[in-house]
């Protein structure tokens, strides 16, 4: 399919219908990982022409993501990052952890946004924020695409640093997501101090199953709670 660059269509709509002057694009990374935090970026871009090649971070090579992130850091009007740790994810569940990380990111902006464009179909942010959800917003909306790239590059670097003392898990390559190397290390060595211990992968690890943390409330956004673990 030909590349279709993201636009300001949704932002213009929010400005016209709500009177919003400052609109932030918000995207997350790390929701489906087994280790590390979930990271949210809030980016304000205004209506300027975006850097060439900007799109969903998942559609870019690591090298291109890093190149774009360097450009975006100086191009965006403002941006801020928020994180929810693996301990907070275990304690609160993914929906609440995402909201916590998103609020931290939004609170980190120099100006409070009048409206937020949130990637996906589920509004995990809620009141008092004025939210417009957009499926595949990281491909179609400039501010969300910018947030996507910045968040991904930042979290990848965080995971690479966390993985220095746990080289067998391959965090520099898999960023805490499932991979053959990651699974093999889990089976042999058990979870690192950075693993989410409330997730279903532990059900398939008899040696380490006793470490699993159980929450009384099921989280419908927690993909880790739905994923099996096969060797």
C-alpha atoms as a PDB file:
ATOM      1  CA  UNK A   1       0.000   0.000   0.000  1.00  0.00           C
ATOM      2  CA  UNK A   2       1.274   3.504  -0.760  1.00  0.00           C
ATOM      3  CA  UNK A   3       2.417   5.594   2.184  1.00  0.00           C
ATOM      4  CA  UNK A   4      -0.238   8.034   3.368  1.00  0.00           C
ATOM      5  CA  UNK A   5       1.226  10.637   5.719  1.00  0.00           C
ATOM      6  CA  UNK A   6      -0.656  11.557   8.887  1.00  0.00           C
ATOM      7  CA  UNK A   7      -2.704  14.745   8.850  1.00  0.00           C
ATOM      8  CA  UNK A   8      -4.149  17.332  11.228  1.00  0.00           C
ATOM      9  CA  UNK A   9      -7.732  16.457  10.289  1.00  0.00           C
ATOM     10  CA  UNK A  10      -8.784  15.301  13.763  1.00  0.00           C
ATOM     11  CA  UNK A  11      -7.028  18.190  15.454  1.00  0.00           C
ATOM     12  CA  UNK A  12      -8.732  20.677  13.150  1.00  0.00           C
ATOM     13  CA  UNK A  13     -12.064  19.017  13.930  1.00  0.00           C
ATOM     14  CA  UNK A  14     -11.466  19.323  17.679  1.00  0.00           C
ATOM     15  CA  UNK A  15     -10.502  22.947  17.306  1.00  0.00           C
ATOM     16  CA  UNK A  16     -13.643  23.669  15.309  1.00  0.00           C
ATOM     17  CA  UNK A  17     -16.128  21.710  17.423  1.00  0.00           C
ATOM     18  CA  UNK A  18     -14.780  22.223  20.950  1.00  0.00           C
ATOM     19  CA  UNK A  19     -12.832  25.452  20.684  1.00  0.00           C
ATOM     20  CA  UNK A  20      -9.671  23.679  21.786  1.00  0.00           C
ATOM     21  CA  UNK A  21      -6.514  25.689  21.233  1.00  0.00           C
ATOM     22  CA  UNK A  22      -3.981  23.175  22.540  1.00  0.00           C
ATOM     23  CA  UNK A  23      -4.463  19.580  21.380  1.00  0.00           C
ATOM     24  CA  UNK A  24      -2.161  16.774  22.495  1.00  0.00           C
ATOM     25  CA  UNK A  25      -1.645  13.468  20.748  1.00  0.00           C
ATOM     26  CA  UNK A  26      -1.162  10.544  23.140  1.00  0.00           C
ATOM     27  CA  UNK A  27       0.197   7.075  22.459  1.00  0.00           C
ATOM     28  CA  UNK A  28       1.580   4.244  24.562  1.00  0.00           C
ATOM     29  CA  UNK A  29       4.211   1.569  24.181  1.00  0.00           C
ATOM     30  CA  UNK A  30       4.885  -1.498  26.283  1.00  0.00           C
ATOM     31  CA  UNK A  31       1.334  -2.619  26.966  1.00  0.00           C
ATOM     32  CA  UNK A  32       1.946  -6.122  25.631  1.00  0.00           C
ATOM     33  CA  UNK A  33       5.425  -6.574  27.071  1.00  0.00           C
ATOM     34  CA  UNK A  34       6.160  -9.086  29.833  1.00  0.00           C
ATOM     35  CA  UNK A  35       8.770  -6.897  31.491  1.00  0.00           C
ATOM     36  CA  UNK A  36       9.373  -3.218  32.093  1.00  0.00           C
ATOM     37  CA  UNK A  37       7.062  -0.221  32.352  1.00  0.00           C
ATOM     38  CA  UNK A  38       4.297   0.967  30.119  1.00  0.00           C
ATOM     39  CA  UNK A  39       5.318   4.311  28.639  1.00  0.00           C
ATOM     40  CA  UNK A  40       3.046   7.083  27.356  1.00  0.00           C
ATOM     41  CA  UNK A  41       4.050  10.145  25.369  1.00  0.00           C
ATOM     42  CA  UNK A  42       1.932  13.277  25.043  1.00  0.00           C
ATOM     43  CA  UNK A  43       2.930  15.482  22.116  1.00  0.00           C
ATOM     44  CA  UNK A  44       1.712  18.884  20.992  1.00  0.00           C
ATOM     45  CA  UNK A  45       2.553  19.744  17.394  1.00  0.00           C
ATOM     46  CA  UNK A  46       0.293  22.568  16.289  1.00  0.00           C
ATOM     47  CA  UNK A  47      -0.668  22.508  12.622  1.00  0.00           C
ATOM     48  CA  UNK A  48       2.774  22.579  11.032  1.00  0.00           C
ATOM     49  CA  UNK A  49       3.875  20.242   8.244  1.00  0.00           C
ATOM     50  CA  UNK A  50       5.328  17.115   9.883  1.00  0.00           C
ATOM     51  CA  UNK A  51       8.776  15.657   9.174  1.00  0.00           C
ATOM     52  CA  UNK A  52       8.920  13.455   6.101  1.00  0.00           C
ATOM     53  CA  UNK A  53       8.201   9.806   6.737  1.00  0.00           C
ATOM     54  CA  UNK A  54       6.400  10.279  10.036  1.00  0.00           C
ATOM     55  CA  UNK A  55       4.055   7.386  10.814  1.00  0.00           C
ATOM     56  CA  UNK A  56       3.291   4.736  13.436  1.00  0.00           C
ATOM     57  CA  UNK A  57       6.547   3.739  15.125  1.00  0.00           C
ATOM     58  CA  UNK A  58       5.808   0.050  14.528  1.00  0.00           C
ATOM     59  CA  UNK A  59       6.010   0.613  10.765  1.00  0.00           C
ATOM     60  CA  UNK A  60       9.521   2.064  10.962  1.00  0.00           C
ATOM     61  CA  UNK A  61      12.884   0.363  11.225  1.00  0.00           C
ATOM     62  CA  UNK A  62      14.764   0.950  14.497  1.00  0.00           C
ATOM     63  CA  UNK A  63      17.272   3.159  12.693  1.00  0.00           C
ATOM     64  CA  UNK A  64      14.568   5.275  11.062  1.00  0.00           C
ATOM     65  CA  UNK A  65      12.689   5.575  14.377  1.00  0.00           C
ATOM     66  CA  UNK A  66      15.790   6.916  16.077  1.00  0.00           C
ATOM     67  CA  UNK A  67      16.437   9.365  13.257  1.00  0.00           C
ATOM     68  CA  UNK A  68      12.863  10.625  13.399  1.00  0.00           C
ATOM     69  CA  UNK A  69      12.896  10.853  17.196  1.00  0.00           C
ATOM     70  CA  UNK A  70      15.912  13.153  17.063  1.00  0.00           C
ATOM     71  CA  UNK A  71      14.102  15.372  14.566  1.00  0.00           C
ATOM     72  CA  UNK A  72      10.837  15.287  16.509  1.00  0.00           C
ATOM     73  CA  UNK A  73      12.460  16.278  19.796  1.00  0.00           C
ATOM     74  CA  UNK A  74      13.226  19.649  18.255  1.00  0.00           C
ATOM     75  CA  UNK A  75      10.202  19.880  15.971  1.00  0.00           C
ATOM     76  CA  UNK A  76       7.254  19.325  18.318  1.00  0.00           C
ATOM     77  CA  UNK A  77       5.868  22.308  20.189  1.00  0.00           C
ATOM     78  CA  UNK A  78       6.084  20.304  23.413  1.00  0.00           C
ATOM     79  CA  UNK A  79       6.173  16.718  24.588  1.00  0.00           C
ATOM     80  CA  UNK A  80       6.384  14.808  27.848  1.00  0.00           C
ATOM     81  CA  UNK A  81       6.690  11.185  28.865  1.00  0.00           C
ATOM     82  CA  UNK A  82       4.959   9.291  31.636  1.00  0.00           C
ATOM     83  CA  UNK A  83       5.634   5.790  32.910  1.00  0.00           C
ATOM     84  CA  UNK A  84       3.865   3.223  35.056  1.00  0.00           C
ATOM     85  CA  UNK A  85       6.256   0.661  36.476  1.00  0.00           C
ATOM     86  CA  UNK A  86       5.901  -3.105  36.349  1.00  0.00           C
ATOM     87  CA  UNK A  87       5.030  -3.000  40.069  1.00  0.00           C
ATOM     88  CA  UNK A  88       2.242  -0.498  39.397  1.00  0.00           C
ATOM     89  CA  UNK A  89       0.953  -2.641  36.535  1.00  0.00           C
ATOM     90  CA  UNK A  90       0.864  -5.680  38.834  1.00  0.00           C
ATOM     91  CA  UNK A  91      -0.892  -3.739  41.573  1.00  0.00           C
ATOM     92  CA  UNK A  92      -3.356  -1.685  39.537  1.00  0.00           C
ATOM     93  CA  UNK A  93      -3.925  -3.594  36.289  1.00  0.00           C
ATOM     94  CA  UNK A  94      -3.160  -2.295  32.836  1.00  0.00           C
ATOM     95  CA  UNK A  95      -6.101   0.069  32.398  1.00  0.00           C
ATOM     96  CA  UNK A  96      -5.329   1.993  35.580  1.00  0.00           C
ATOM     97  CA  UNK A  97      -1.589   1.857  34.868  1.00  0.00           C
ATOM     98  CA  UNK A  98      -2.119   3.316  31.404  1.00  0.00           C
ATOM     99  CA  UNK A  99      -4.180   6.134  32.844  1.00  0.00           C
ATOM    100  CA  UNK A 100      -1.525   6.800  35.474  1.00  0.00           C
ATOM    101  CA  UNK A 101       1.225   6.974  32.846  1.00  0.00           C
ATOM    102  CA  UNK A 102      -0.900   9.147  30.531  1.00  0.00           C
ATOM    103  CA  UNK A 103      -1.781  11.611  33.286  1.00  0.00           C
ATOM    104  CA  UNK A 104       1.893  11.834  34.234  1.00  0.00           C
ATOM    105  CA  UNK A 105       2.748  12.620  30.621  1.00  0.00           C
ATOM    106  CA  UNK A 106      -0.017  15.202  30.220  1.00  0.00           C
ATOM    107  CA  UNK A 107       0.849  16.827  33.541  1.00  0.00           C
ATOM    108  CA  UNK A 108       4.428  17.084  32.313  1.00  0.00           C
ATOM    109  CA  UNK A 109       3.489  19.347  29.416  1.00  0.00           C
ATOM    110  CA  UNK A 110       4.181  23.060  29.929  1.00  0.00           C
ATOM    111  CA  UNK A 111       0.560  23.894  29.046  1.00  0.00           C
ATOM    112  CA  UNK A 112      -2.473  21.784  29.926  1.00  0.00           C
ATOM    113  CA  UNK A 113      -4.130  20.547  26.698  1.00  0.00           C
ATOM    114  CA  UNK A 114      -7.696  21.555  25.971  1.00  0.00           C
ATOM    115  CA  UNK A 115      -8.278  18.219  24.202  1.00  0.00           C
ATOM    116  CA  UNK A 116      -6.508  14.905  23.714  1.00  0.00           C
ATOM    117  CA  UNK A 117      -6.339  12.598  20.689  1.00  0.00           C
ATOM    118  CA  UNK A 118      -5.897   9.099  22.055  1.00  0.00           C
ATOM    119  CA  UNK A 119      -4.727   6.226  19.878  1.00  0.00           C
ATOM    120  CA  UNK A 120      -7.101   3.250  19.814  1.00  0.00           C
ATOM    121  CA  UNK A 121     -10.795   2.740  20.483  1.00  0.00           C
ATOM    122  CA  UNK A 122     -10.773   2.636  24.293  1.00  0.00           C
ATOM    123  CA  UNK A 123     -10.682   5.831  26.348  1.00  0.00           C
ATOM    124  CA  UNK A 124      -8.533   4.779  29.290  1.00  0.00           C
ATOM    125  CA  UNK A 125      -8.018   8.441  30.242  1.00  0.00           C
ATOM    126  CA  UNK A 126     -11.549   9.646  30.971  1.00  0.00           C
ATOM    127  CA  UNK A 127     -12.753  12.760  32.796  1.00  0.00           C
ATOM    128  CA  UNK A 128     -11.806  15.500  33.268  1.00  0.00           C
ATOM    129  CA  UNK A 129      -9.874  15.205  30.009  1.00  0.00           C
ATOM    130  CA  UNK A 130     -11.683  15.871  26.730  1.00  0.00           C
ATOM    131  CA  UNK A 131     -10.724  12.821  24.681  1.00  0.00           C
ATOM    132  CA  UNK A 132     -11.189  11.845  21.045  1.00  0.00           C
ATOM    133  CA  UNK A 133     -10.220   8.236  20.401  1.00  0.00           C
ATOM    134  CA  UNK A 134      -8.949   7.368  16.928  1.00  0.00           C
ATOM    135  CA  UNK A 135      -8.300   3.814  15.771  1.00  0.00           C
ATOM    136  CA  UNK A 136      -4.854   3.727  14.143  1.00  0.00           C
ATOM    137  CA  UNK A 137      -4.363   7.306  15.186  1.00  0.00           C
ATOM    138  CA  UNK A 138      -0.635   6.641  15.238  1.00  0.00           C
ATOM    139  CA  UNK A 139      -0.851   6.355  11.442  1.00  0.00           C
ATOM    140  CA  UNK A 140      -3.422   9.039  10.660  1.00  0.00           C
ATOM    141  CA  UNK A 141      -2.846  11.847  13.192  1.00  0.00           C
ATOM    142  CA  UNK A 142       0.348  13.889  13.236  1.00  0.00           C
ATOM    143  CA  UNK A 143       0.497  14.468  16.994  1.00  0.00           C
ATOM    144  CA  UNK A 144      -0.254  10.819  17.815  1.00  0.00           C
ATOM    145  CA  UNK A 145       2.328   9.568  15.307  1.00  0.00           C
ATOM    146  CA  UNK A 146       4.914  11.884  16.858  1.00  0.00           C
ATOM    147  CA  UNK A 147       4.033  10.591  20.328  1.00  0.00           C
ATOM    148  CA  UNK A 148       4.276   7.022  19.057  1.00  0.00           C
ATOM    149  CA  UNK A 149       7.825   7.449  17.763  1.00  0.00           C
ATOM    150  CA  UNK A 150       9.121   9.364  20.775  1.00  0.00           C
ATOM    151  CA  UNK A 151       7.613   6.881  23.244  1.00  0.00           C
ATOM    152  CA  UNK A 152       8.933   3.825  21.404  1.00  0.00           C
ATOM    153  CA  UNK A 153      12.498   5.087  21.077  1.00  0.00           C
ATOM    154  CA  UNK A 154      12.601   6.221  24.699  1.00  0.00           C
ATOM    155  CA  UNK A 155      11.255   2.952  26.118  1.00  0.00           C
ATOM    156  CA  UNK A 156      13.511   0.838  23.906  1.00  0.00           C
ATOM    157  CA  UNK A 157      16.531   2.648  25.339  1.00  0.00           C
ATOM    158  CA  UNK A 158      15.209   2.167  28.863  1.00  0.00           C
ATOM    159  CA  UNK A 159      14.791  -1.570  28.306  1.00  0.00           C
ATOM    160  CA  UNK A 160      18.251  -1.906  26.771  1.00  0.00           C
ATOM    161  CA  UNK A 161      19.705  -0.300  29.896  1.00  0.00           C
ATOM    162  CA  UNK A 162      17.657  -2.533  32.198  1.00  0.00           C
ATOM    163  CA  UNK A 163      18.856  -5.537  30.231  1.00  0.00           C
ATOM    164  CA  UNK A 164      22.566  -4.924  30.736  1.00  0.00           C
ATOM    165  CA  UNK A 165      22.590  -7.035  33.905  1.00  0.00           C
ATOM    166  CA  UNK A 166      20.261  -9.635  32.347  1.00  0.00           C
ATOM    167  CA  UNK A 167      21.845 -10.195  28.945  1.00  0.00           C
ATOM    168  CA  UNK A 168      20.322 -13.650  28.463  1.00  0.00           C
ATOM    169  CA  UNK A 169      16.842 -12.110  28.182  1.00  0.00           C
ATOM    170  CA  UNK A 170      17.677 -10.007  25.125  1.00  0.00           C
ATOM    171  CA  UNK A 171      15.907  -6.865  26.312  1.00  0.00           C
ATOM    172  CA  UNK A 172      17.982  -4.718  23.954  1.00  0.00           C
ATOM    173  CA  UNK A 173      16.379  -6.569  21.027  1.00  0.00           C
ATOM    174  CA  UNK A 174      12.910  -7.475  22.321  1.00  0.00           C
ATOM    175  CA  UNK A 175      12.252  -4.573  24.753  1.00  0.00           C
ATOM    176  CA  UNK A 176      10.638  -6.998  27.196  1.00  0.00           C
ATOM    177  CA  UNK A 177       8.174  -8.417  24.677  1.00  0.00           C
ATOM    178  CA  UNK A 178       7.877 -12.190  24.071  1.00  0.00           C
ATOM    179  CA  UNK A 179      10.623 -13.654  21.889  1.00  0.00           C
ATOM    180  CA  UNK A 180      12.339 -17.067  21.702  1.00  0.00           C
ATOM    181  CA  UNK A 181      15.383 -15.731  23.576  1.00  0.00           C
ATOM    182  CA  UNK A 182      13.199 -14.125  26.226  1.00  0.00           C
ATOM    183  CA  UNK A 183      11.103 -17.257  26.704  1.00  0.00           C
ATOM    184  CA  UNK A 184      14.150 -19.519  26.973  1.00  0.00           C
ATOM    185  CA  UNK A 185      15.736 -17.300  29.603  1.00  0.00           C
ATOM    186  CA  UNK A 186      12.492 -17.177  31.593  1.00  0.00           C
ATOM    187  CA  UNK A 187      12.200 -20.945  31.637  1.00  0.00           C
ATOM    188  CA  UNK A 188      15.794 -21.372  32.803  1.00  0.00           C
ATOM    189  CA  UNK A 189      16.297 -18.405  35.127  1.00  0.00           C
ATOM    190  CA  UNK A 190      12.845 -17.199  36.095  1.00  0.00           C
ATOM    191  CA  UNK A 191      11.662 -13.592  36.093  1.00  0.00           C
ATOM    192  CA  UNK A 192      14.044 -10.675  36.481  1.00  0.00           C
ATOM    193  CA  UNK A 193      13.289  -7.880  38.964  1.00  0.00           C
ATOM    194  CA  UNK A 194      11.640  -6.048  36.051  1.00  0.00           C
ATOM    195  CA  UNK A 195       9.067  -8.661  35.046  1.00  0.00           C
ATOM    196  CA  UNK A 196       5.329  -8.255  35.475  1.00  0.00           C
ATOM    197  CA  UNK A 197       4.344 -11.003  37.875  1.00  0.00           C
ATOM    198  CA  UNK A 198       0.568 -10.871  37.478  1.00  0.00           C
ATOM    199  CA  UNK A 199       0.621 -12.057  33.863  1.00  0.00           C
ATOM    200  CA  UNK A 200      -0.308 -15.380  32.341  1.00  0.00           C
ATOM    201  CA  UNK A 201       3.140 -16.381  31.069  1.00  0.00           C
ATOM    202  CA  UNK A 202       3.948 -17.595  34.603  1.00  0.00           C
ATOM    203  CA  UNK A 203       1.165 -20.185  34.371  1.00  0.00           C
ATOM    204  CA  UNK A 204       3.309 -22.138  31.921  1.00  0.00           C
ATOM    205  CA  UNK A 205       6.434 -22.011  34.096  1.00  0.00           C
ATOM    206  CA  UNK A 206       6.064 -24.676  36.813  1.00  0.00           C
ATOM    207  CA  UNK A 207       9.389 -23.754  38.455  1.00  0.00           C
ATOM    208  CA  UNK A 208       8.370 -20.111  38.837  1.00  0.00           C
ATOM    209  CA  UNK A 209       4.579 -20.238  39.070  1.00  0.00           C
ATOM    210  CA  UNK A 210       4.694 -19.618  42.814  1.00  0.00           C
ATOM    211  CA  UNK A 211       5.894 -16.068  42.092  1.00  0.00           C
ATOM    212  CA  UNK A 212       2.673 -15.080  40.338  1.00  0.00           C
ATOM    213  CA  UNK A 213       0.716 -12.205  41.839  1.00  0.00           C
ATOM    214  CA  UNK A 214      -3.063 -12.481  41.695  1.00  0.00           C
ATOM    215  CA  UNK A 215      -5.398  -9.519  41.424  1.00  0.00           C
ATOM    216  CA  UNK A 216      -9.068  -9.804  42.302  1.00  0.00           C
ATOM    217  CA  UNK A 217     -10.183  -7.644  39.354  1.00  0.00           C
ATOM    218  CA  UNK A 218      -9.698  -8.808  35.766  1.00  0.00           C
ATOM    219  CA  UNK A 219      -8.327  -6.145  33.441  1.00  0.00           C
ATOM    220  CA  UNK A 220      -9.813  -6.250  29.953  1.00  0.00           C
ATOM    221  CA  UNK A 221      -6.909  -4.277  28.487  1.00  0.00           C
ATOM    222  CA  UNK A 222      -4.199  -6.469  29.913  1.00  0.00           C
ATOM    223  CA  UNK A 223      -3.070  -8.469  26.917  1.00  0.00           C
ATOM    224  CA  UNK A 224      -0.566 -10.285  29.103  1.00  0.00           C
ATOM    225  CA  UNK A 225      -3.459 -11.776  31.011  1.00  0.00           C
ATOM    226  CA  UNK A 226      -4.753 -13.355  27.828  1.00  0.00           C
ATOM    227  CA  UNK A 227      -1.538 -14.575  26.241  1.00  0.00           C
ATOM    228  CA  UNK A 228      -0.456 -18.156  26.522  1.00  0.00           C
ATOM    229  CA  UNK A 229       3.163 -19.249  26.774  1.00  0.00           C
ATOM    230  CA  UNK A 230       4.384 -22.020  24.499  1.00  0.00           C
ATOM    231  CA  UNK A 231       7.887 -23.373  24.116  1.00  0.00           C
END
